[in-house]
């Protein structure tokens, strides 16, 4: 399994961007079966930065309504990766 298969996308929300700037943490959506070790190796392979710490969270689906229709959001597995001091991952293309 390749590193690009494990890390699906970065999660860009207000909370994750605040953590990125203040605590040097970055949040990724990862594959369902990914563990902390595989996420750490994937980050190291893709970005060339060895993470200090990796936390993994399963996010359950939420029930949502639009009018009379009821559905659920997708279940997601998130990884919060703590980077070493002075290291940074650029999520935006800065031209």
PDB file of N, CA and C in Angstrom:
ATOM      1  N   UNK A   1       0.847  -1.174   0.000  1.00  0.00           N
ATOM      2  CA  UNK A   1       0.000   0.000   0.000  1.00  0.00           C
ATOM      3  C   UNK A   1       0.898   1.244   0.000  1.00  0.00           C
ATOM      4  N   UNK A   2       0.577   2.165  -0.858  1.00  0.00           N
ATOM      5  CA  UNK A   2       1.410   3.369  -0.971  1.00  0.00           C
ATOM      6  C   UNK A   2       0.987   4.422   0.064  1.00  0.00           C
ATOM      7  N   UNK A   3       1.863   5.383   0.272  1.00  0.00           N
ATOM      8  CA  UNK A   3       1.592   6.452   1.243  1.00  0.00           C
ATOM      9  C   UNK A   3       0.409   7.304   0.792  1.00  0.00           C
ATOM     10  N   UNK A   4       0.251   7.472  -0.499  1.00  0.00           N
ATOM     11  CA  UNK A   4      -0.877   8.268  -1.023  1.00  0.00           C
ATOM     12  C   UNK A   4      -2.207   7.559  -0.813  1.00  0.00           C
ATOM     13  N   UNK A   5      -2.193   6.240  -0.638  1.00  0.00           N
ATOM     14  CA  UNK A   5      -3.420   5.513  -0.338  1.00  0.00           C
ATOM     15  C   UNK A   5      -3.832   5.687   1.123  1.00  0.00           C
ATOM     16  N   UNK A   6      -2.863   5.877   2.003  1.00  0.00           N
ATOM     17  CA  UNK A   6      -3.149   6.010   3.437  1.00  0.00           C
ATOM     18  C   UNK A   6      -3.681   7.402   3.756  1.00  0.00           C
ATOM     19  N   UNK A   7      -2.999   8.447   3.289  1.00  0.00           N
ATOM     20  CA  UNK A   7      -3.445   9.823   3.538  1.00  0.00           C
ATOM     21  C   UNK A   7      -4.347  10.245   2.386  1.00  0.00           C
ATOM     22  N   UNK A   8      -5.616  10.483   2.694  1.00  0.00           N
ATOM     23  CA  UNK A   8      -6.581  10.833   1.651  1.00  0.00           C
ATOM     24  C   UNK A   8      -6.524  12.325   1.339  1.00  0.00           C
ATOM     25  N   UNK A   9      -6.644  13.177   2.381  1.00  0.00           N
ATOM     26  CA  UNK A   9      -6.627  14.620   2.163  1.00  0.00           C
ATOM     27  C   UNK A   9      -6.397  15.319   3.492  1.00  0.00           C
ATOM     28  N   UNK A  10      -5.905  16.549   3.465  1.00  0.00           N
ATOM     29  CA  UNK A  10      -5.843  17.333   4.703  1.00  0.00           C
ATOM     30  C   UNK A  10      -7.237  17.865   5.040  1.00  0.00           C
ATOM     31  N   UNK A  11      -7.524  17.970   6.311  1.00  0.00           N
ATOM     32  CA  UNK A  11      -8.801  18.525   6.756  1.00  0.00           C
ATOM     33  C   UNK A  11      -8.548  19.985   7.121  1.00  0.00           C
ATOM     34  N   UNK A  12      -9.196  20.877   6.387  1.00  0.00           N
ATOM     35  CA  UNK A  12      -8.986  22.307   6.564  1.00  0.00           C
ATOM     36  C   UNK A  12     -10.251  22.913   7.152  1.00  0.00           C
ATOM     37  N   UNK A  13     -10.219  23.127   8.465  1.00  0.00           N
ATOM     38  CA  UNK A  13     -11.312  23.779   9.168  1.00  0.00           C
ATOM     39  C   UNK A  13     -10.704  24.866  10.048  1.00  0.00           C
ATOM     40  N   UNK A  14     -11.564  25.655  10.681  1.00  0.00           N
ATOM     41  CA  UNK A  14     -11.065  26.699  11.571  1.00  0.00           C
ATOM     42  C   UNK A  14     -10.241  26.113  12.707  1.00  0.00           C
ATOM     43  N   UNK A  15     -10.755  25.061  13.298  1.00  0.00           N
ATOM     44  CA  UNK A  15     -10.072  24.440  14.435  1.00  0.00           C
ATOM     45  C   UNK A  15      -8.724  23.844  14.017  1.00  0.00           C
ATOM     46  N   UNK A  16      -8.691  23.145  12.878  1.00  0.00           N
ATOM     47  CA  UNK A  16      -7.436  22.529  12.452  1.00  0.00           C
ATOM     48  C   UNK A  16      -6.402  23.573  12.038  1.00  0.00           C
ATOM     49  N   UNK A  17      -6.830  24.684  11.452  1.00  0.00           N
ATOM     50  CA  UNK A  17      -5.881  25.727  11.072  1.00  0.00           C
ATOM     51  C   UNK A  17      -5.332  26.446  12.314  1.00  0.00           C
ATOM     52  N   UNK A  18      -6.154  26.585  13.351  1.00  0.00           N
ATOM     53  CA  UNK A  18      -5.687  27.178  14.601  1.00  0.00           C
ATOM     54  C   UNK A  18      -4.652  26.270  15.261  1.00  0.00           C
ATOM     55  N   UNK A  19      -4.916  24.964  15.261  1.00  0.00           N
ATOM     56  CA  UNK A  19      -3.950  24.011  15.798  1.00  0.00           C
ATOM     57  C   UNK A  19      -2.655  24.034  14.997  1.00  0.00           C
ATOM     58  N   UNK A  20      -2.774  24.209  13.689  1.00  0.00           N
ATOM     59  CA  UNK A  20      -1.594  24.241  12.828  1.00  0.00           C
ATOM     60  C   UNK A  20      -0.710  25.429  13.176  1.00  0.00           C
ATOM     61  N   UNK A  21      -1.305  26.595  13.397  1.00  0.00           N
ATOM     62  CA  UNK A  21      -0.506  27.782  13.658  1.00  0.00           C
ATOM     63  C   UNK A  21      -0.002  27.850  15.100  1.00  0.00           C
ATOM     64  N   UNK A  22      -0.789  27.398  16.075  1.00  0.00           N
ATOM     65  CA  UNK A  22      -0.418  27.537  17.476  1.00  0.00           C
ATOM     66  C   UNK A  22       0.362  26.345  18.023  1.00  0.00           C
ATOM     67  N   UNK A  23      -0.065  25.123  17.691  1.00  0.00           N
ATOM     68  CA  UNK A  23       0.503  23.929  18.309  1.00  0.00           C
ATOM     69  C   UNK A  23       1.327  23.098  17.333  1.00  0.00           C
ATOM     70  N   UNK A  24       1.475  23.557  16.092  1.00  0.00           N
ATOM     71  CA  UNK A  24       2.236  22.853  15.058  1.00  0.00           C
ATOM     72  C   UNK A  24       1.670  21.456  14.793  1.00  0.00           C
ATOM     73  N   UNK A  25       0.326  21.365  14.721  1.00  0.00           N
ATOM     74  CA  UNK A  25      -0.367  20.106  14.428  1.00  0.00           C
ATOM     75  C   UNK A  25      -1.107  20.261  13.113  1.00  0.00           C
ATOM     76  N   UNK A  26      -1.189  19.166  12.357  1.00  0.00           N
ATOM     77  CA  UNK A  26      -1.910  19.183  11.099  1.00  0.00           C
ATOM     78  C   UNK A  26      -2.830  17.965  11.067  1.00  0.00           C
ATOM     79  N   UNK A  27      -4.036  18.125  10.520  1.00  0.00           N
ATOM     80  CA  UNK A  27      -5.046  17.078  10.533  1.00  0.00           C
ATOM     81  C   UNK A  27      -5.255  16.531   9.133  1.00  0.00           C
ATOM     82  N   UNK A  28      -5.279  15.192   9.021  1.00  0.00           N
ATOM     83  CA  UNK A  28      -5.502  14.518   7.749  1.00  0.00           C
ATOM     84  C   UNK A  28      -6.667  13.553   7.875  1.00  0.00           C
ATOM     85  N   UNK A  29      -7.382  13.359   6.761  1.00  0.00           N
ATOM     86  CA  UNK A  29      -8.319  12.247   6.674  1.00  0.00           C
ATOM     87  C   UNK A  29      -7.515  11.067   6.162  1.00  0.00           C
ATOM     88  N   UNK A  30      -7.614   9.937   6.855  1.00  0.00           N
ATOM     89  CA  UNK A  30      -6.820   8.767   6.493  1.00  0.00           C
ATOM     90  C   UNK A  30      -7.729   7.585   6.189  1.00  0.00           C
ATOM     91  N   UNK A  31      -7.152   6.554   5.612  1.00  0.00           N
ATOM     92  CA  UNK A  31      -7.885   5.346   5.249  1.00  0.00           C
ATOM     93  C   UNK A  31      -8.412   4.671   6.507  1.00  0.00           C
ATOM     94  N   UNK A  32      -9.523   3.954   6.387  1.00  0.00           N
ATOM     95  CA  UNK A  32     -10.190   3.349   7.541  1.00  0.00           C
ATOM     96  C   UNK A  32      -9.278   2.424   8.351  1.00  0.00           C
ATOM     97  N   UNK A  33      -8.448   1.626   7.734  1.00  0.00           N
ATOM     98  CA  UNK A  33      -7.632   0.666   8.463  1.00  0.00           C
ATOM     99  C   UNK A  33      -6.270   1.175   8.866  1.00  0.00           C
ATOM    100  N   UNK A  34      -6.002   2.462   8.678  1.00  0.00           N
ATOM    101  CA  UNK A  34      -4.672   3.011   8.947  1.00  0.00           C
ATOM    102  C   UNK A  34      -4.431   3.119  10.449  1.00  0.00           C
ATOM    103  N   UNK A  35      -3.212   2.765  10.871  1.00  0.00           N
ATOM    104  CA  UNK A  35      -2.844   2.918  12.277  1.00  0.00           C
ATOM    105  C   UNK A  35      -1.821   4.040  12.407  1.00  0.00           C
ATOM    106  N   UNK A  36      -1.399   4.329  13.640  1.00  0.00           N
ATOM    107  CA  UNK A  36      -0.506   5.455  13.888  1.00  0.00           C
ATOM    108  C   UNK A  36       0.832   5.292  13.173  1.00  0.00           C
ATOM    109  N   UNK A  37       1.357   4.080  13.166  1.00  0.00           N
ATOM    110  CA  UNK A  37       2.654   3.829  12.544  1.00  0.00           C
ATOM    111  C   UNK A  37       2.599   4.049  11.035  1.00  0.00           C
ATOM    112  N   UNK A  38       1.549   3.539  10.401  1.00  0.00           N
ATOM    113  CA  UNK A  38       1.439   3.700   8.945  1.00  0.00           C
ATOM    114  C   UNK A  38       1.220   5.162   8.564  1.00  0.00           C
ATOM    115  N   UNK A  39       0.480   5.911   9.380  1.00  0.00           N
ATOM    116  CA  UNK A  39       0.266   7.337   9.111  1.00  0.00           C
ATOM    117  C   UNK A  39       1.590   8.099   9.253  1.00  0.00           C
ATOM    118  N   UNK A  40       2.357   7.785  10.296  1.00  0.00           N
ATOM    119  CA  UNK A  40       3.647   8.454  10.504  1.00  0.00           C
ATOM    120  C   UNK A  40       4.597   8.171   9.342  1.00  0.00           C
ATOM    121  N   UNK A  41       4.646   6.940   8.873  1.00  0.00           N
ATOM    122  CA  UNK A  41       5.512   6.587   7.743  1.00  0.00           C
ATOM    123  C   UNK A  41       5.053   7.274   6.462  1.00  0.00           C
ATOM    124  N   UNK A  42       3.739   7.394   6.271  1.00  0.00           N
ATOM    125  CA  UNK A  42       3.201   8.046   5.073  1.00  0.00           C
ATOM    126  C   UNK A  42       3.528   9.538   5.069  1.00  0.00           C
ATOM    127  N   UNK A  43       3.407  10.202   6.228  1.00  0.00           N
ATOM    128  CA  UNK A  43       3.746  11.628   6.316  1.00  0.00           C
ATOM    129  C   UNK A  43       5.227  11.827   6.035  1.00  0.00           C
ATOM    130  N   UNK A  44       6.047  10.941   6.572  1.00  0.00           N
ATOM    131  CA  UNK A  44       7.491  11.042   6.354  1.00  0.00           C
ATOM    132  C   UNK A  44       7.847  10.836   4.885  1.00  0.00           C
ATOM    133  N   UNK A  45       7.156   9.903   4.222  1.00  0.00           N
ATOM    134  CA  UNK A  45       7.432   9.626   2.812  1.00  0.00           C
ATOM    135  C   UNK A  45       6.957  10.753   1.897  1.00  0.00           C
ATOM    136  N   UNK A  46       5.773  11.284   2.164  1.00  0.00           N
ATOM    137  CA  UNK A  46       5.202  12.306   1.279  1.00  0.00           C
ATOM    138  C   UNK A  46       5.851  13.673   1.501  1.00  0.00           C
ATOM    139  N   UNK A  47       5.954  14.093   2.759  1.00  0.00           N
ATOM    140  CA  UNK A  47       6.403  15.450   3.060  1.00  0.00           C
ATOM    141  C   UNK A  47       7.858  15.541   3.512  1.00  0.00           C
ATOM    142  N   UNK A  48       8.491  14.412   3.819  1.00  0.00           N
ATOM    143  CA  UNK A  48       9.891  14.426   4.231  1.00  0.00           C
ATOM    144  C   UNK A  48      10.110  14.948   5.641  1.00  0.00           C
ATOM    145  N   UNK A  49       9.075  14.903   6.480  1.00  0.00           N
ATOM    146  CA  UNK A  49       9.167  15.373   7.860  1.00  0.00           C
ATOM    147  C   UNK A  49       8.766  14.220   8.776  1.00  0.00           C
ATOM    148  N   UNK A  50       9.607  13.908   9.753  1.00  0.00           N
ATOM    149  CA  UNK A  50       9.289  12.842  10.701  1.00  0.00           C
ATOM    150  C   UNK A  50       8.421  13.410  11.815  1.00  0.00           C
ATOM    151  N   UNK A  51       7.172  12.915  11.979  1.00  0.00           N
ATOM    152  CA  UNK A  51       6.282  13.453  13.011  1.00  0.00           C
ATOM    153  C   UNK A  51       6.749  13.092  14.415  1.00  0.00           C
ATOM    154  N   UNK A  52       6.435  13.977  15.364  1.00  0.00           N
ATOM    155  CA  UNK A  52       6.753  13.738  16.767  1.00  0.00           C
ATOM    156  C   UNK A  52       5.708  12.803  17.363  1.00  0.00           C
ATOM    157  N   UNK A  53       4.436  13.022  17.000  1.00  0.00           N
ATOM    158  CA  UNK A  53       3.331  12.291  17.606  1.00  0.00           C
ATOM    159  C   UNK A  53       2.190  12.184  16.603  1.00  0.00           C
ATOM    160  N   UNK A  54       1.436  11.079  16.661  1.00  0.00           N
ATOM    161  CA  UNK A  54       0.266  10.891  15.804  1.00  0.00           C
ATOM    162  C   UNK A  54      -0.887  10.403  16.667  1.00  0.00           C
ATOM    163  N   UNK A  55      -2.023  11.082  16.588  1.00  0.00           N
ATOM    164  CA  UNK A  55      -3.256  10.658  17.257  1.00  0.00           C
ATOM    165  C   UNK A  55      -4.280  10.334  16.179  1.00  0.00           C
ATOM    166  N   UNK A  56      -5.022   9.229  16.364  1.00  0.00           N
ATOM    167  CA  UNK A  56      -5.998   8.789  15.375  1.00  0.00           C
ATOM    168  C   UNK A  56      -7.376   8.755  16.031  1.00  0.00           C
ATOM    169  N   UNK A  57      -8.387   9.277  15.309  1.00  0.00           N
ATOM    170  CA  UNK A  57      -9.751   9.384  15.831  1.00  0.00           C
ATOM    171  C   UNK A  57     -10.721   8.853  14.794  1.00  0.00           C
ATOM    172  N   UNK A  58     -11.693   8.045  15.231  1.00  0.00           N
ATOM    173  CA  UNK A  58     -12.795   7.635  14.372  1.00  0.00           C
ATOM    174  C   UNK A  58     -13.949   8.597  14.593  1.00  0.00           C
ATOM    175  N   UNK A  59     -14.412   9.243  13.530  1.00  0.00           N
ATOM    176  CA  UNK A  59     -15.529  10.183  13.621  1.00  0.00           C
ATOM    177  C   UNK A  59     -16.777   9.465  13.114  1.00  0.00           C
ATOM    178  N   UNK A  60     -17.764   9.361  13.969  1.00  0.00           N
ATOM    179  CA  UNK A  60     -18.997   8.663  13.611  1.00  0.00           C
ATOM    180  C   UNK A  60     -19.850   9.532  12.696  1.00  0.00           C
ATOM    181  N   UNK A  61     -20.724   8.894  11.902  1.00  0.00           N
ATOM    182  CA  UNK A  61     -21.609   9.692  11.041  1.00  0.00           C
ATOM    183  C   UNK A  61     -22.666  10.429  11.861  1.00  0.00           C
ATOM    184  N   UNK A  62     -23.005  11.630  11.403  1.00  0.00           N
ATOM    185  CA  UNK A  62     -24.040  12.425  12.053  1.00  0.00           C
ATOM    186  C   UNK A  62     -25.322  12.347  11.225  1.00  0.00           C
ATOM    187  N   UNK A  63     -26.460  12.409  11.893  1.00  0.00           N
ATOM    188  CA  UNK A  63     -27.742  12.452  11.207  1.00  0.00           C
ATOM    189  C   UNK A  63     -28.017  13.889  10.793  1.00  0.00           C
ATOM    190  N   UNK A  64     -28.327  14.102   9.533  1.00  0.00           N
ATOM    191  CA  UNK A  64     -28.619  15.435   9.005  1.00  0.00           C
ATOM    192  C   UNK A  64     -29.980  15.402   8.317  1.00  0.00           C
ATOM    193  N   UNK A  65     -30.646  16.560   8.337  1.00  0.00           N
ATOM    194  CA  UNK A  65     -31.942  16.676   7.672  1.00  0.00           C
ATOM    195  C   UNK A  65     -31.915  17.812   6.680  1.00  0.00           C
ATOM    196  N   UNK A  66     -32.585  17.604   5.564  1.00  0.00           N
ATOM    197  CA  UNK A  66     -32.853  18.655   4.602  1.00  0.00           C
ATOM    198  C   UNK A  66     -34.343  18.549   4.314  1.00  0.00           C
ATOM    199  N   UNK A  67     -35.111  19.427   4.974  1.00  0.00           N
ATOM    200  CA  UNK A  67     -36.559  19.338   4.855  1.00  0.00           C
ATOM    201  C   UNK A  67     -37.057  18.073   5.525  1.00  0.00           C
ATOM    202  N   UNK A  68     -37.790  17.269   4.792  1.00  0.00           N
ATOM    203  CA  UNK A  68     -38.309  16.031   5.382  1.00  0.00           C
ATOM    204  C   UNK A  68     -37.401  14.840   5.139  1.00  0.00           C
ATOM    205  N   UNK A  69     -36.314  15.032   4.421  1.00  0.00           N
ATOM    206  CA  UNK A  69     -35.399  13.941   4.103  1.00  0.00           C
ATOM    207  C   UNK A  69     -34.308  13.827   5.161  1.00  0.00           C
ATOM    208  N   UNK A  70     -34.099  12.637   5.633  1.00  0.00           N
ATOM    209  CA  UNK A  70     -33.106  12.388   6.670  1.00  0.00           C
ATOM    210  C   UNK A  70     -32.005  11.519   6.086  1.00  0.00           C
ATOM    211  N   UNK A  71     -30.759  11.882   6.378  1.00  0.00           N
ATOM    212  CA  UNK A  71     -29.629  11.092   5.908  1.00  0.00           C
ATOM    213  C   UNK A  71     -28.508  11.166   6.926  1.00  0.00           C
ATOM    214  N   UNK A  72     -27.391  10.561   6.572  1.00  0.00           N
ATOM    215  CA  UNK A  72     -26.235  10.576   7.459  1.00  0.00           C
ATOM    216  C   UNK A  72     -25.008  11.032   6.685  1.00  0.00           C
ATOM    217  N   UNK A  73     -24.089  11.694   7.408  1.00  0.00           N
ATOM    218  CA  UNK A  73     -22.814  12.061   6.816  1.00  0.00           C
ATOM    219  C   UNK A  73     -21.926  10.812   6.799  1.00  0.00           C
ATOM    220  N   UNK A  74     -20.822  10.881   6.087  1.00  0.00           N
ATOM    221  CA  UNK A  74     -19.921   9.738   6.011  1.00  0.00           C
ATOM    222  C   UNK A  74     -19.103   9.608   7.289  1.00  0.00           C
ATOM    223  N   UNK A  75     -18.803   8.372   7.663  1.00  0.00           N
ATOM    224  CA  UNK A  75     -17.886   8.119   8.776  1.00  0.00           C
ATOM    225  C   UNK A  75     -16.469   8.359   8.255  1.00  0.00           C
ATOM    226  N   UNK A  76     -15.627   8.965   9.090  1.00  0.00           N
ATOM    227  CA  UNK A  76     -14.277   9.359   8.677  1.00  0.00           C
ATOM    228  C   UNK A  76     -13.291   8.919   9.751  1.00  0.00           C
ATOM    229  N   UNK A  77     -12.069   8.646   9.344  1.00  0.00           N
ATOM    230  CA  UNK A  77     -10.967   8.405  10.285  1.00  0.00           C
ATOM    231  C   UNK A  77      -9.991   9.553  10.118  1.00  0.00           C
ATOM    232  N   UNK A  78      -9.714  10.276  11.226  1.00  0.00           N
ATOM    233  CA  UNK A  78      -8.836  11.437  11.180  1.00  0.00           C
ATOM    234  C   UNK A  78      -7.546  11.127  11.917  1.00  0.00           C
ATOM    235  N   UNK A  79      -6.457  11.727  11.448  1.00  0.00           N
ATOM    236  CA  UNK A  79      -5.175  11.630  12.132  1.00  0.00           C
ATOM    237  C   UNK A  79      -4.675  13.038  12.397  1.00  0.00           C
ATOM    238  N   UNK A  80      -4.360  13.328  13.664  1.00  0.00           N
ATOM    239  CA  UNK A  80      -3.783  14.612  14.042  1.00  0.00           C
ATOM    240  C   UNK A  80      -2.288  14.367  14.243  1.00  0.00           C
ATOM    241  N   UNK A  81      -1.472  14.982  13.390  1.00  0.00           N
ATOM    242  CA  UNK A  81      -0.032  14.748  13.366  1.00  0.00           C
ATOM    243  C   UNK A  81       0.673  15.965  13.974  1.00  0.00           C
ATOM    244  N   UNK A  82       1.483  15.730  15.005  1.00  0.00           N
ATOM    245  CA  UNK A  82       2.279  16.790  15.611  1.00  0.00           C
ATOM    246  C   UNK A  82       3.638  16.817  14.932  1.00  0.00           C
ATOM    247  N   UNK A  83       4.019  17.982  14.425  1.00  0.00           N
ATOM    248  CA  UNK A  83       5.284  18.144  13.712  1.00  0.00           C
ATOM    249  C   UNK A  83       6.354  18.690  14.651  1.00  0.00           C
ATOM    250  N   UNK A  84       7.637  18.453  14.351  1.00  0.00           N
ATOM    251  CA  UNK A  84       8.704  19.022  15.179  1.00  0.00           C
ATOM    252  C   UNK A  84       8.724  20.541  15.079  1.00  0.00           C
ATOM    253  N   UNK A  85       9.294  21.187  16.096  1.00  0.00           N
ATOM    254  CA  UNK A  85       9.405  22.648  16.096  1.00  0.00           C
ATOM    255  C   UNK A  85      10.205  23.121  14.891  1.00  0.00           C
ATOM    256  N   UNK A  86       9.722  24.154  14.247  1.00  0.00           N
ATOM    257  CA  UNK A  86      10.424  24.729  13.095  1.00  0.00           C
ATOM    258  C   UNK A  86      10.059  24.082  11.777  1.00  0.00           C
ATOM    259  N   UNK A  87       9.385  22.940  11.798  1.00  0.00           N
ATOM    260  CA  UNK A  87       8.963  22.272  10.562  1.00  0.00           C
ATOM    261  C   UNK A  87       7.526  22.671  10.251  1.00  0.00           C
ATOM    262  N   UNK A  88       7.197  22.727   8.958  1.00  0.00           N
ATOM    263  CA  UNK A  88       5.859  23.120   8.554  1.00  0.00           C
ATOM    264  C   UNK A  88       5.508  22.437   7.250  1.00  0.00           C
ATOM    265  N   UNK A  89       4.225  22.081   7.092  1.00  0.00           N
ATOM    266  CA  UNK A  89       3.707  21.516   5.852  1.00  0.00           C
ATOM    267  C   UNK A  89       2.821  22.573   5.226  1.00  0.00           C
ATOM    268  N   UNK A  90       3.115  22.945   3.993  1.00  0.00           N
ATOM    269  CA  UNK A  90       2.315  23.948   3.298  1.00  0.00           C
ATOM    270  C   UNK A  90       1.137  23.272   2.629  1.00  0.00           C
ATOM    271  N   UNK A  91      -0.077  23.661   3.054  1.00  0.00           N
ATOM    272  CA  UNK A  91      -1.290  23.067   2.488  1.00  0.00           C
ATOM    273  C   UNK A  91      -1.763  23.810   1.243  1.00  0.00           C
ATOM    274  N   UNK A  92      -1.276  25.015   1.054  1.00  0.00           N
ATOM    275  CA  UNK A  92      -1.684  25.821  -0.078  1.00  0.00           C
ATOM    276  C   UNK A  92      -0.517  26.034  -1.014  1.00  0.00           C
ATOM    277  N   UNK A  93      -0.806  26.159  -2.284  1.00  0.00           N
ATOM    278  CA  UNK A  93       0.238  26.427  -3.268  1.00  0.00           C
ATOM    279  C   UNK A  93       0.558  27.918  -3.215  1.00  0.00           C
ATOM    280  N   UNK A  94       1.728  28.250  -2.690  1.00  0.00           N
ATOM    281  CA  UNK A  94       2.102  29.656  -2.494  1.00  0.00           C
ATOM    282  C   UNK A  94       2.956  30.120  -3.669  1.00  0.00           C
ATOM    283  N   UNK A  95       2.340  30.788  -4.617  1.00  0.00           N
ATOM    284  CA  UNK A  95       3.065  31.292  -5.801  1.00  0.00           C
ATOM    285  C   UNK A  95       3.342  32.755  -5.669  1.00  0.00           C
TER     286      UNK A  95
END
